[in-house]
Amino acid sequence: MAVEVRWDEKICAHAGVCVKSLPQVFKVEDGKFVITPSAASDQEIRATVAKCPSGALTIGGN
């Protein structure tokens, strides 16, 4: 089961670190931010979330 990624659009700085680091998971489609956690390993996702400069991305769930 893939990790749950949460995104807080209110604090997002739109730096694009996530999109550049892991584009198969984090992307903008039709003007909306889309997260597809099943497209990468938990380790890759956690590493990318840790790089978020604004802290808008967090890991949730179990």
C-alpha atoms as a PDB file:
ATOM      1  CA  MET A   1       0.000   0.000   0.000  1.00  0.00           C
ATOM      2  CA  ALA A   2       1.367   3.410  -0.982  1.00  0.00           C
ATOM      3  CA  VAL A   3       1.959   6.117   1.581  1.00  0.00           C
ATOM      4  CA  GLU A   4      -0.628   8.861   1.928  1.00  0.00           C
ATOM      5  CA  VAL A   5       0.727  12.245   0.875  1.00  0.00           C
ATOM      6  CA  ARG A   6      -1.002  15.386   2.052  1.00  0.00           C
ATOM      7  CA  TRP A   7      -0.616  18.775   0.393  1.00  0.00           C
ATOM      8  CA  ASP A   8      -1.479  22.069   2.071  1.00  0.00           C
ATOM      9  CA  GLU A   9      -2.128  24.472  -0.776  1.00  0.00           C
ATOM     10  CA  LYS A  10      -2.322  27.395   1.658  1.00  0.00           C
ATOM     11  CA  ILE A  11       1.368  27.168   2.518  1.00  0.00           C
ATOM     12  CA  CYS A  12       2.707  25.809  -0.779  1.00  0.00           C
ATOM     13  CA  ALA A  13       5.414  28.082  -2.209  1.00  0.00           C
ATOM     14  CA  HIS A  14       5.096  26.466  -5.676  1.00  0.00           C
ATOM     15  CA  ALA A  15       8.859  25.969  -5.800  1.00  0.00           C
ATOM     16  CA  GLY A  16       8.369  22.863  -7.953  1.00  0.00           C
ATOM     17  CA  VAL A  17      10.879  20.741  -6.043  1.00  0.00           C
ATOM     18  CA  CYS A  18       8.448  17.818  -5.858  1.00  0.00           C
ATOM     19  CA  VAL A  19       7.512  18.004  -9.540  1.00  0.00           C
ATOM     20  CA  LYS A  20      11.164  18.148 -10.602  1.00  0.00           C
ATOM     21  CA  SER A  21      12.282  15.430  -8.178  1.00  0.00           C
ATOM     22  CA  LEU A  22       9.516  12.885  -8.745  1.00  0.00           C
ATOM     23  CA  PRO A  23       7.382  13.868 -11.772  1.00  0.00           C
ATOM     24  CA  GLN A  24       5.655  10.486 -11.971  1.00  0.00           C
ATOM     25  CA  VAL A  25       4.102  11.178  -8.551  1.00  0.00           C
ATOM     26  CA  PHE A  26       3.755  14.967  -8.378  1.00  0.00           C
ATOM     27  CA  LYS A  27       2.402  16.785 -11.429  1.00  0.00           C
ATOM     28  CA  VAL A  28       0.097  19.531 -12.592  1.00  0.00           C
ATOM     29  CA  GLU A  29      -2.682  18.386 -14.918  1.00  0.00           C
ATOM     30  CA  ASP A  30      -5.304  20.748 -16.285  1.00  0.00           C
ATOM     31  CA  GLY A  31      -4.230  23.381 -13.761  1.00  0.00           C
ATOM     32  CA  LYS A  32      -4.656  21.044 -10.768  1.00  0.00           C
ATOM     33  CA  PHE A  33      -1.966  19.521  -8.573  1.00  0.00           C
ATOM     34  CA  VAL A  34      -2.167  15.723  -8.795  1.00  0.00           C
ATOM     35  CA  ILE A  35      -0.424  13.270  -6.473  1.00  0.00           C
ATOM     36  CA  THR A  36      -0.133   9.606  -7.513  1.00  0.00           C
ATOM     37  CA  PRO A  37       1.721   7.853  -4.687  1.00  0.00           C
ATOM     38  CA  SER A  38       1.455   4.422  -6.290  1.00  0.00           C
ATOM     39  CA  ALA A  39       3.833   5.595  -9.044  1.00  0.00           C
ATOM     40  CA  ALA A  40       6.963   5.386  -6.843  1.00  0.00           C
ATOM     41  CA  SER A  41       8.350   3.640  -3.799  1.00  0.00           C
ATOM     42  CA  ASP A  42       7.551   4.831  -0.297  1.00  0.00           C
ATOM     43  CA  GLN A  43      11.237   5.648   0.174  1.00  0.00           C
ATOM     44  CA  GLU A  44      11.333   7.863  -2.945  1.00  0.00           C
ATOM     45  CA  ILE A  45       8.165   9.671  -1.894  1.00  0.00           C
ATOM     46  CA  ARG A  46       9.367  10.235   1.675  1.00  0.00           C
ATOM     47  CA  ALA A  47      12.677  11.622   0.386  1.00  0.00           C
ATOM     48  CA  THR A  48      10.883  14.024  -1.954  1.00  0.00           C
ATOM     49  CA  VAL A  49       8.407  15.155   0.717  1.00  0.00           C
ATOM     50  CA  ALA A  50      11.377  15.893   2.996  1.00  0.00           C
ATOM     51  CA  LYS A  51      12.771  18.268   0.332  1.00  0.00           C
ATOM     52  CA  CYS A  52       9.625  20.441   0.247  1.00  0.00           C
ATOM     53  CA  PRO A  53      10.907  23.930   1.163  1.00  0.00           C
ATOM     54  CA  SER A  54       7.578  25.230   2.475  1.00  0.00           C
ATOM     55  CA  GLY A  55       6.516  22.105   4.352  1.00  0.00           C
ATOM     56  CA  ALA A  56       3.323  21.920   2.304  1.00  0.00           C
ATOM     57  CA  LEU A  57       3.826  18.202   1.673  1.00  0.00           C
ATOM     58  CA  THR A  58       3.513  15.774   4.562  1.00  0.00           C
ATOM     59  CA  ILE A  59       3.124  12.039   4.983  1.00  0.00           C
ATOM     60  CA  GLY A  60      -0.149  10.940   6.549  1.00  0.00           C
ATOM     61  CA  GLY A  61      -1.994   7.732   7.222  1.00  0.00           C
ATOM     62  CA  ASN A  62      -0.571   4.676   8.899  1.00  0.00           C
END
